[in-house]
Amino acid sequence: MLQVKALSKHYRGLPAIDDVNFRVRPGEIVGYVGPNGSGKSTTVKIVTGLLEPNSGQILFEGQSIRDNLPRYRAAFGYVPEEAHVYTHLSGLEYLQLVGRLRNMPEALIDLKANRLLSLLGLESWRHSAISLYSKGMKQRVLIAAALLHDPRLLIFDEPLSGLDVVSARLFKDLLQQLAAQGKAILYISHVLEVVELVCNRVIVIAKGKILADAPPLELKTSLQLANLEGVFAQLVQQQNTQDIARELVSVMAVHHV
């Protein structure tokens, strides 16, 4: 469904991503992980049509998204890393705005918006200004907005940010249900335990290049490691965090020069 093909983007001559290639098929949850500055955000901005690459292209159902960007944007739902919402609107008004921008019928907007808010635990808050919402509540509104128009492709960028334990569990179950419905899901996260649990495949990116693209079990088996966190640390050549932690504590203990 979604194909990222030979994607490169440079800023002032420095590569943010370099020859990035991967696919997300219907019914598949693909994890996209990497350290800060690895190129994840740049990839997402290009995939969502917010940024143009220097080279390469994004194909959706075999067609370049640039051939018909409005059609492509109508086909995906997106939960961004930062919860940018119109805080003067209520949760219901925000979903109504999103539905109207997507040319949905008013009756359908009201039906789906109210039901989604109720299922996400926001029924009693639906008429309150989003400025009064907690971070997790705003995140749930964004999730509802991404689901409102029944998209075929879903892009979740750190979707668990701010969610409580119950909401996070609900979201994990939701991912499985969406995949079972044939939705293609690109899941960007730093929470490797969740990625390992819910994703069919995991793509590891570092310094703008893809280092691995395989099911979590295959990655663990090939590197003879117990969990995805160990795989990640080895692939990106992560520093010894225990040694650094000890150094940090030793610096704290210095009181005289």
Protein backbone atom coordinates (compact mmCIF):
# COMPACT_ATOMS: atom_id res chain seq x y z
CA MET A 1 0.00 0.00 0.00
CA LEU A 2 2.70 2.50 1.05
CA GLN A 3 6.16 2.38 -0.50
CA VAL A 4 9.05 4.61 0.48
CA LYS A 5 11.46 4.49 -2.42
CA ALA A 6 15.10 5.67 -2.43
CA LEU A 7 14.25 8.63 -0.21
CA SER A 8 16.92 11.23 0.56
CA LYS A 9 16.76 14.64 2.19
CA HIS A 10 19.62 17.01 2.89
CA TYR A 11 19.81 20.18 4.96
CA ARG A 12 22.68 22.52 4.03
CA GLY A 13 24.42 19.61 2.39
CA LEU A 14 24.11 17.32 5.42
CA PRO A 15 22.01 14.16 4.96
CA ALA A 16 18.99 13.83 7.26
CA ILE A 17 18.00 10.60 5.50
CA ASP A 18 19.91 8.79 2.78
CA ASP A 19 18.43 6.20 0.37
CA VAL A 20 15.63 5.09 2.70
CA ASN A 21 13.49 2.23 1.35
CA PHE A 22 10.62 0.31 2.96
CA ARG A 23 7.02 -0.82 2.49
CA VAL A 24 3.93 -0.92 4.69
CA ARG A 25 1.37 -3.45 3.44
CA PRO A 26 -2.35 -3.72 4.26
CA GLY A 27 -2.90 -5.42 7.61
CA GLU A 28 0.67 -4.75 8.71
CA ILE A 29 1.95 -2.79 11.71
CA VAL A 30 5.47 -1.56 10.94
CA GLY A 31 7.57 -0.07 13.73
CA TYR A 32 9.97 2.72 12.77
CA VAL A 33 12.57 3.28 15.50
CA GLY A 34 15.84 5.10 15.91
CA PRO A 35 17.75 7.41 18.26
CA ASN A 36 17.12 11.16 18.36
CA GLY A 37 18.34 12.78 15.16
CA SER A 38 18.23 9.51 13.22
CA GLY A 39 15.88 10.75 10.51
CA LYS A 40 12.52 9.51 11.80
CA SER A 41 10.85 12.93 11.88
CA THR A 42 12.16 13.84 8.43
CA THR A 43 10.80 10.58 7.05
CA VAL A 44 7.39 11.18 8.61
CA LYS A 45 7.18 14.73 7.27
CA ILE A 46 7.90 13.46 3.77
CA VAL A 47 5.50 10.51 4.08
CA THR A 48 2.69 12.85 5.21
CA GLY A 49 3.38 15.25 2.34
CA LEU A 50 4.57 18.08 4.58
CA LEU A 51 8.10 18.06 3.17
CA GLU A 52 9.55 17.32 -0.26
CA PRO A 53 12.60 15.05 -0.56
CA ASN A 54 15.72 15.92 -2.51
CA SER A 55 15.37 12.57 -4.27
CA GLY A 56 13.21 9.48 -4.17
CA GLN A 57 9.45 9.26 -3.88
CA ILE A 58 6.51 8.04 -1.82
CA LEU A 59 4.10 5.69 -3.59
CA PHE A 60 0.59 5.00 -2.32
CA GLU A 61 -1.15 2.11 -4.02
CA GLY A 62 1.46 2.31 -6.77
CA GLN A 63 1.04 6.03 -7.50
CA SER A 64 3.29 8.89 -6.45
CA ILE A 65 1.60 10.91 -3.72
CA ARG A 66 2.70 14.09 -5.51
CA ASP A 67 0.47 13.20 -8.48
CA ASN A 68 -2.63 13.80 -6.36
CA LEU A 69 -1.72 14.99 -2.87
CA PRO A 70 -5.33 15.82 -1.79
CA ARG A 71 -6.46 12.29 -2.68
CA TYR A 72 -3.57 10.80 -0.73
CA ARG A 73 -4.19 12.98 2.33
CA ALA A 74 -7.83 11.89 2.31
CA ALA A 75 -6.68 8.26 2.56
CA PHE A 76 -4.53 8.46 5.70
CA GLY A 77 -4.95 9.36 9.36
CA TYR A 78 -2.08 10.94 11.28
CA VAL A 79 -1.34 11.37 14.97
CA PRO A 80 1.65 13.75 15.23
CA GLU A 81 4.27 13.63 17.96
CA GLU A 82 3.24 17.04 19.30
CA ALA A 83 -0.43 17.57 20.18
CA HIS A 84 -1.06 20.77 18.20
CA VAL A 85 -4.80 21.43 18.45
CA TYR A 86 -7.05 24.49 18.47
CA THR A 87 -7.33 24.81 22.24
CA HIS A 88 -10.22 27.31 22.12
CA LEU A 89 -12.41 24.59 20.57
CA SER A 90 -14.05 21.80 22.51
CA GLY A 91 -13.15 18.20 21.73
CA LEU A 92 -16.40 17.79 19.81
CA GLU A 93 -15.92 21.04 17.89
CA TYR A 94 -12.39 19.99 16.94
CA LEU A 95 -13.62 16.68 15.51
CA GLN A 96 -16.43 18.50 13.72
CA LEU A 97 -13.86 20.80 12.13
CA VAL A 98 -11.73 17.84 11.04
CA GLY A 99 -14.78 16.09 9.59
CA ARG A 100 -15.83 19.17 7.62
CA LEU A 101 -12.32 19.63 6.26
CA ARG A 102 -12.60 16.04 5.04
CA ASN A 103 -15.99 16.78 3.43
CA MET A 104 -17.88 14.30 5.59
CA PRO A 105 -21.68 14.71 5.94
CA GLU A 106 -22.70 16.61 9.09
CA ALA A 107 -24.89 13.83 10.47
CA LEU A 108 -22.09 11.31 10.05
CA ILE A 109 -19.58 13.66 11.70
CA ASP A 110 -21.78 14.12 14.76
CA LEU A 111 -22.52 10.40 15.04
CA LYS A 112 -18.90 9.28 14.76
CA ALA A 113 -17.37 12.17 16.74
CA ASN A 114 -19.64 11.66 19.75
CA ARG A 115 -19.18 7.88 19.68
CA LEU A 116 -15.38 8.10 19.38
CA LEU A 117 -15.14 10.60 22.23
CA SER A 118 -17.32 8.36 24.39
CA LEU A 119 -15.26 5.24 23.65
CA LEU A 120 -12.06 7.15 24.42
CA GLY A 121 -13.34 8.28 27.80
CA LEU A 122 -14.01 11.91 26.84
CA GLU A 123 -17.82 11.98 26.75
CA SER A 124 -18.18 14.23 29.81
CA TRP A 125 -15.49 16.58 28.42
CA ARG A 126 -16.73 16.82 24.84
CA HIS A 127 -18.15 20.35 25.28
CA SER A 128 -15.19 21.64 27.34
CA ALA A 129 -12.40 23.71 25.76
CA ILE A 130 -9.35 21.65 24.84
CA SER A 131 -7.26 24.18 26.79
CA LEU A 132 -8.63 22.45 29.91
CA TYR A 133 -7.56 18.98 28.73
CA SER A 134 -4.53 17.13 30.03
CA LYS A 135 -1.81 16.03 27.61
CA GLY A 136 -3.25 12.53 27.51
CA MET A 137 -6.76 13.82 26.81
CA LYS A 138 -5.46 15.92 23.91
CA GLN A 139 -3.73 12.81 22.61
CA ARG A 140 -7.01 10.90 22.68
CA VAL A 141 -8.69 13.68 20.69
CA LEU A 142 -5.93 13.41 18.06
CA ILE A 143 -6.43 9.65 17.89
CA ALA A 144 -10.17 10.16 17.39
CA ALA A 145 -9.45 12.72 14.63
CA ALA A 146 -7.15 10.24 12.85
CA LEU A 147 -9.84 7.53 12.93
CA LEU A 148 -12.84 9.73 12.06
CA HIS A 149 -12.81 9.24 8.27
CA ASP A 150 -11.96 5.51 8.29
CA PRO A 151 -8.53 5.87 6.58
CA ARG A 152 -6.71 3.01 4.85
CA LEU A 153 -3.29 4.13 6.11
CA LEU A 154 -2.53 5.26 9.66
CA ILE A 155 0.64 7.02 10.78
CA PHE A 156 1.18 7.16 14.53
CA ASP A 157 4.13 9.24 15.80
CA GLU A 158 4.72 8.56 19.52
CA PRO A 159 0.98 7.95 20.03
CA LEU A 160 1.32 6.80 23.66
CA SER A 161 2.73 10.15 24.78
CA GLY A 162 0.77 11.30 27.84
CA LEU A 163 -1.64 8.35 27.85
CA ASP A 164 -2.44 6.67 31.15
CA VAL A 165 -2.07 2.91 31.60
CA VAL A 166 -5.67 2.10 30.66
CA SER A 167 -5.64 4.32 27.56
CA ALA A 168 -2.27 2.89 26.47
CA ARG A 169 -3.62 -0.64 26.76
CA LEU A 170 -6.71 0.33 24.79
CA PHE A 171 -4.51 1.81 22.08
CA LYS A 172 -2.45 -1.38 21.79
CA ASP A 173 -5.65 -3.39 21.38
CA LEU A 174 -6.89 -0.83 18.86
CA LEU A 175 -3.75 -1.33 16.74
CA GLN A 176 -4.48 -5.05 16.50
CA GLN A 177 -8.09 -4.41 15.51
CA LEU A 178 -7.07 -1.87 12.85
CA ALA A 179 -4.56 -4.30 11.36
CA ALA A 180 -7.21 -7.04 11.35
CA GLN A 181 -9.39 -4.66 9.29
CA GLY A 182 -6.64 -4.43 6.67
CA LYS A 183 -5.33 -0.99 7.62
CA ALA A 184 -1.65 -0.29 6.92
CA ILE A 185 0.01 1.17 10.02
CA LEU A 186 3.33 2.99 10.37
CA TYR A 187 4.18 3.20 14.07
CA ILE A 188 6.96 5.53 15.21
CA SER A 189 7.99 5.19 18.85
CA HIS A 190 10.79 5.14 21.40
CA VAL A 191 8.88 2.66 23.56
CA LEU A 192 10.61 -0.47 22.31
CA GLU A 193 8.68 -2.85 24.56
CA VAL A 194 5.44 -1.82 22.82
CA VAL A 195 7.03 -1.94 19.37
CA GLU A 196 8.23 -5.47 20.06
CA LEU A 197 4.78 -6.45 21.30
CA VAL A 198 2.55 -5.03 18.54
CA CYS A 199 4.63 -4.70 15.35
CA ASN A 200 4.88 -7.30 12.58
CA ARG A 201 8.12 -5.73 11.37
CA VAL A 202 10.60 -3.29 12.83
CA ILE A 203 12.70 -0.84 10.84
CA VAL A 204 15.75 0.56 12.64
CA ILE A 205 17.20 3.81 11.34
CA ALA A 206 20.33 5.64 12.53
CA LYS A 207 22.22 8.57 11.02
CA GLY A 208 19.71 8.68 8.17
CA LYS A 209 20.24 5.09 7.01
CA ILE A 210 18.16 1.94 7.45
CA LEU A 211 20.12 -0.60 9.51
CA ALA A 212 17.52 -3.35 9.76
CA ASP A 213 14.04 -4.26 8.50
CA ALA A 214 12.67 -7.54 9.84
CA PRO A 215 10.18 -9.08 12.30
CA PRO A 216 11.20 -8.56 15.95
CA LEU A 217 11.79 -12.28 16.54
CA GLU A 218 14.05 -12.52 13.50
CA LEU A 219 16.12 -9.56 14.69
CA LYS A 220 16.51 -11.03 18.17
CA THR A 221 17.40 -14.47 16.82
CA SER A 222 19.94 -13.24 14.27
CA LEU A 223 21.76 -11.13 16.87
CA GLN A 224 21.24 -13.67 19.69
CA LEU A 225 19.71 -11.08 21.99
CA ALA A 226 16.83 -11.40 24.44
CA ASN A 227 14.82 -8.32 23.52
CA LEU A 228 14.39 -5.53 21.00
CA GLU A 229 16.06 -3.02 23.32
CA GLY A 230 19.29 -5.04 23.11
CA VAL A 231 18.97 -5.29 19.33
CA PHE A 232 18.48 -1.54 19.07
CA ALA A 233 21.47 -0.77 21.30
CA GLN A 234 23.74 -3.04 19.26
CA LEU A 235 22.58 -1.85 15.86
CA VAL A 236 22.92 1.87 16.62
CA GLN A 237 26.13 1.27 18.62
CA GLN A 238 24.57 2.86 21.66
CA GLN A 239 26.94 3.97 24.40
CA ASN A 240 27.16 1.96 27.61
CA THR A 241 24.38 3.68 29.55
CA GLN A 242 25.36 2.12 32.87
CA ASP A 243 28.86 3.59 32.61
CA ILE A 244 27.45 7.00 31.70
CA ALA A 245 24.97 6.85 34.59
CA ARG A 246 27.83 6.14 37.01
CA GLU A 247 29.78 9.09 35.57
CA LEU A 248 26.77 11.38 35.96
CA VAL A 249 26.43 10.42 39.63
CA SER A 250 30.16 10.95 40.19
CA VAL A 251 29.93 14.46 38.69
CA MET A 252 27.00 15.22 41.01
CA ALA A 253 29.17 14.28 43.99
CA VAL A 254 31.87 16.86 43.17
CA HIS A 255 31.66 19.77 45.62
CA HIS A 256 35.12 21.35 45.31
CA VAL A 257 37.46 22.02 42.41
